[in-house]
Protein backbone atom coordinates (compact mmCIF):
# COMPACT_ATOMS: atom_id res chain seq x y z
CA MET A 1 -21.54 1.62 70.58
CA ASN A 2 -25.35 1.54 69.18
CA GLU A 3 -24.58 1.37 66.04
CA LEU A 4 -21.14 -1.19 66.50
CA LEU A 5 -23.48 -3.60 68.22
CA PHE A 6 -26.57 -3.83 66.51
CA GLN A 7 -24.97 -4.80 63.63
CA PHE A 8 -22.92 -7.39 65.39
CA LEU A 9 -26.38 -9.44 66.65
CA HIS A 10 -28.38 -8.48 63.93
CA SER A 11 -25.02 -10.02 61.67
CA PHE A 12 -25.99 -13.89 62.98
CA ALA A 13 -29.51 -12.36 60.72
CA ASN A 14 -30.07 -13.41 56.53
CA HIS A 15 -27.95 -15.47 56.99
CA SER A 16 -29.93 -19.37 57.50
CA ASP A 17 -33.12 -20.26 57.46
CA PHE A 18 -32.93 -21.89 60.37
CA LEU A 19 -31.40 -19.54 62.46
CA ASP A 20 -33.96 -16.99 60.60
CA ALA A 21 -37.13 -18.88 62.32
CA LEU A 22 -36.05 -19.47 65.53
CA ILE A 23 -35.43 -16.04 65.59
CA LEU A 24 -38.70 -15.02 64.31
CA LEU A 25 -40.28 -17.04 67.05
CA LEU A 26 -38.18 -15.95 69.96
CA ALA A 27 -39.32 -12.00 68.72
CA GLU A 28 -43.01 -12.57 67.22
CA VAL A 29 -44.83 -15.50 68.49
CA PHE A 30 -42.75 -16.44 72.09
CA PRO A 31 -44.22 -13.70 73.51
CA TYR A 32 -47.66 -14.77 73.05
CA ILE A 33 -46.35 -18.19 74.26
CA VAL A 34 -44.78 -16.47 77.77
CA VAL A 35 -48.52 -14.27 77.78
CA LEU A 36 -50.20 -17.96 78.40
CA GLY A 37 -47.75 -19.52 79.88
CA VAL A 38 -48.02 -17.00 82.95
CA VAL A 39 -51.42 -16.43 82.61
CA GLY A 40 -51.59 -20.54 83.20
CA PHE A 41 -49.26 -20.06 85.75
CA LEU A 42 -51.02 -18.29 87.91
CA VAL A 43 -54.26 -19.81 87.23
CA LEU A 44 -52.51 -22.93 87.93
CA HIS A 45 -50.05 -23.03 90.74
CA ARG A 46 -51.67 -24.24 93.99
CA HIS A 47 -50.98 -21.19 96.85
CA ILE A 48 -50.82 -22.74 100.07
CA SER A 49 -52.90 -21.59 102.84
CA THR A 50 -54.84 -22.58 106.12
CA GLU A 51 -58.10 -21.63 106.02
CA ASN A 52 -60.84 -20.85 102.52
CA LYS A 53 -57.50 -22.85 100.14
CA ILE A 54 -59.47 -22.02 96.81
CA VAL A 55 -61.05 -19.03 97.77
CA PHE A 56 -57.87 -17.75 99.06
CA GLY A 57 -55.63 -19.02 96.31
CA PHE A 58 -58.05 -17.25 93.91
CA LYS A 59 -58.65 -13.82 95.11
CA LEU A 60 -55.06 -14.48 95.51
CA ARG A 61 -54.51 -15.68 91.80
CA LYS A 62 -56.65 -12.92 90.97
CA ARG A 63 -54.90 -10.11 92.53
CA GLU A 64 -51.31 -11.65 91.43
CA LEU A 65 -52.90 -11.90 87.04
CA THR A 66 -53.88 -8.06 88.03
CA ARG A 67 -51.00 -7.35 88.92
CA ALA A 68 -48.58 -8.51 86.87
CA PHE A 69 -50.33 -7.32 83.54
CA LEU A 70 -51.48 -4.23 85.24
CA THR A 71 -48.24 -3.36 85.59
CA GLY A 72 -47.34 -5.21 82.58
CA GLY A 73 -49.60 -2.70 80.19
CA LEU A 74 -48.44 0.07 82.20
CA ALA A 75 -45.20 -0.47 80.88
CA TRP A 76 -46.28 -0.57 77.37
CA LEU A 77 -48.67 2.30 77.43
CA LEU A 78 -46.10 4.60 78.31
CA ALA A 79 -43.17 3.04 75.42
CA SER A 80 -46.13 3.94 73.41
CA GLY A 81 -46.05 7.60 74.57
CA LEU A 82 -42.07 7.89 75.15
CA LYS A 83 -41.95 6.48 70.98
CA ILE A 84 -43.94 9.87 70.39
CA VAL A 85 -41.04 12.30 71.64
CA PHE A 86 -38.31 10.18 70.68
CA ALA A 87 -39.65 9.60 67.14
CA MET A 88 -37.14 7.37 66.84
CA PRO A 89 -36.89 5.29 63.54
CA ARG A 90 -36.04 1.56 63.07
CA PRO A 91 -33.06 0.74 62.23
CA PHE A 92 -32.78 -0.04 58.51
CA TYR A 93 -34.35 2.81 57.87
CA VAL A 94 -30.91 4.39 59.41
CA LEU A 95 -28.39 2.00 57.99
CA SER A 96 -28.89 1.16 54.61
CA GLU A 97 -27.17 -2.46 54.71
CA ALA A 98 -29.76 -3.93 58.37
CA LEU A 99 -31.91 -5.95 55.97
CA PRO A 100 -34.81 -6.73 58.79
CA LEU A 101 -36.13 -10.45 58.99
CA TRP A 102 -38.99 -8.55 58.35
CA PHE A 103 -40.99 -4.69 58.12
CA ALA A 104 -42.80 -3.35 61.54
CA GLY A 105 -44.14 0.49 61.93
CA GLY A 106 -43.72 2.97 64.40
CA ASN A 107 -41.47 4.61 65.69
CA THR A 108 -38.35 2.20 68.35
CA PHE A 109 -37.24 4.34 71.43
CA PRO A 110 -38.02 3.26 73.95
CA SER A 111 -38.95 -1.17 72.74
CA GLY A 112 -42.91 -1.51 73.77
CA HIS A 113 -42.07 -5.62 73.53
CA ALA A 114 -39.13 -5.39 75.83
CA ALA A 115 -40.69 -2.74 78.53
CA PHE A 116 -44.08 -4.52 79.03
CA PHE A 117 -41.66 -8.15 79.23
CA MET A 118 -39.77 -6.57 82.01
CA ALA A 119 -42.14 -4.83 84.15
CA LEU A 120 -44.22 -8.85 83.86
CA GLY A 121 -41.81 -10.43 84.63
CA VAL A 122 -40.09 -8.61 87.72
CA SER A 123 -44.04 -7.91 88.75
CA MET A 124 -44.45 -11.41 88.54
CA TYR A 125 -40.55 -12.02 90.47
CA PHE A 126 -41.93 -10.60 93.73
CA PHE A 127 -44.50 -13.01 93.57
CA HIS A 128 -42.96 -16.69 93.13
CA LYS A 129 -39.05 -15.64 92.23
CA ARG A 130 -38.13 -17.97 90.69
CA PHE A 131 -40.83 -17.80 88.01
CA GLY A 132 -40.11 -14.13 87.98
CA LEU A 133 -36.67 -14.97 86.84
CA VAL A 134 -37.05 -17.75 83.92
CA LEU A 135 -38.92 -14.34 82.99
CA ILE A 136 -36.96 -11.45 83.15
CA PHE A 137 -34.60 -14.07 80.34
CA PHE A 138 -37.67 -14.18 78.66
CA ALA A 139 -37.58 -10.91 78.26
CA ILE A 140 -34.14 -11.39 77.19
CA SER A 141 -34.10 -13.55 75.24
CA ILE A 142 -37.20 -11.50 72.56
CA GLY A 143 -35.32 -8.12 73.21
CA LEU A 144 -32.31 -9.96 71.65
CA ALA A 145 -34.34 -11.42 68.89
CA ARG A 146 -35.83 -7.82 68.53
CA VAL A 147 -32.53 -6.89 67.29
CA MET A 148 -30.68 -9.86 66.11
CA ALA A 149 -34.73 -9.39 63.80
CA GLY A 150 -32.69 -6.05 62.61
CA LEU A 151 -35.98 -3.99 64.22
CA HIS A 152 -34.74 -2.51 66.61
CA PHE A 153 -31.16 -0.97 68.21
CA PRO A 154 -29.47 -2.69 71.61
CA ALA A 155 -30.20 1.22 73.54
CA ASP A 156 -34.77 0.51 72.07
CA ILE A 157 -34.48 -2.12 74.18
CA SER A 158 -32.42 -1.54 76.86
CA ALA A 159 -34.75 1.26 77.09
CA GLY A 160 -37.30 -0.06 77.17
CA PHE A 161 -36.24 -3.53 79.54
CA ALA A 162 -35.13 0.12 82.06
CA LEU A 163 -39.15 1.45 81.72
CA GLY A 164 -40.32 -1.97 82.76
CA ILE A 165 -38.41 -2.42 85.44
CA ILE A 166 -38.81 1.01 87.09
CA VAL A 167 -42.81 0.71 86.21
CA ALA A 168 -42.66 -3.13 88.22
CA LEU A 169 -41.07 -0.50 91.39
CA LEU A 170 -43.18 2.24 91.46
CA VAL A 171 -46.04 -0.44 90.60
CA GLN A 172 -44.74 -2.67 93.45
CA TYR A 173 -44.44 0.22 96.34
CA ILE A 174 -48.05 2.34 95.32
CA PHE A 175 -49.60 -1.34 96.24
CA LYS A 176 -47.14 -2.07 99.15
CA PHE A 177 -48.25 1.55 99.84
CA ALA A 178 -51.69 0.87 99.51
CA ILE A 179 -51.95 -2.20 101.87
CA ALA A 180 -49.77 -0.43 104.74
CA ARG A 181 -52.22 2.34 104.47
CA LYS A 182 -55.35 0.36 104.54
CA SER A 183 -53.98 -1.37 107.67
CA VAL A 184 -53.61 1.82 110.12
């Protein structure tokens, strides 16, 4: 099933210069735009407070920014460690018909991109629901583009998404637990 889904998604690549450029944009360039967008959103987003609007807003944005990127970074680090444990090769090493749009090194399972961006999206969802949902959609788009580009199997992306969600939930739980303990 993993190979069949890979073959279907990857079949969109290498047939049209426009589609290949779009896949490349989504898989390689768009992640940087998303990161800049998150930073920009958190820096420019207005937080409403009755007292000390500027100080409170800055502290809140700093906390959200720190937690969101801490969560994404932790998911990426865990994915990197798991890649060593599972040592699964990229599709173009396994399937002769897989012609990637560009070559990437290293192992693939789980996808670090998928883990990072899903963790970032879920983490932001805890602070800003609509923006978090947009980021989750972006994470899915980036993951699909990386399969279409021939860099990952769907299972790599799915495992990365699951890891990102789990890490975001754990970090949220830990921070809520720490805040609850602090107020006691």
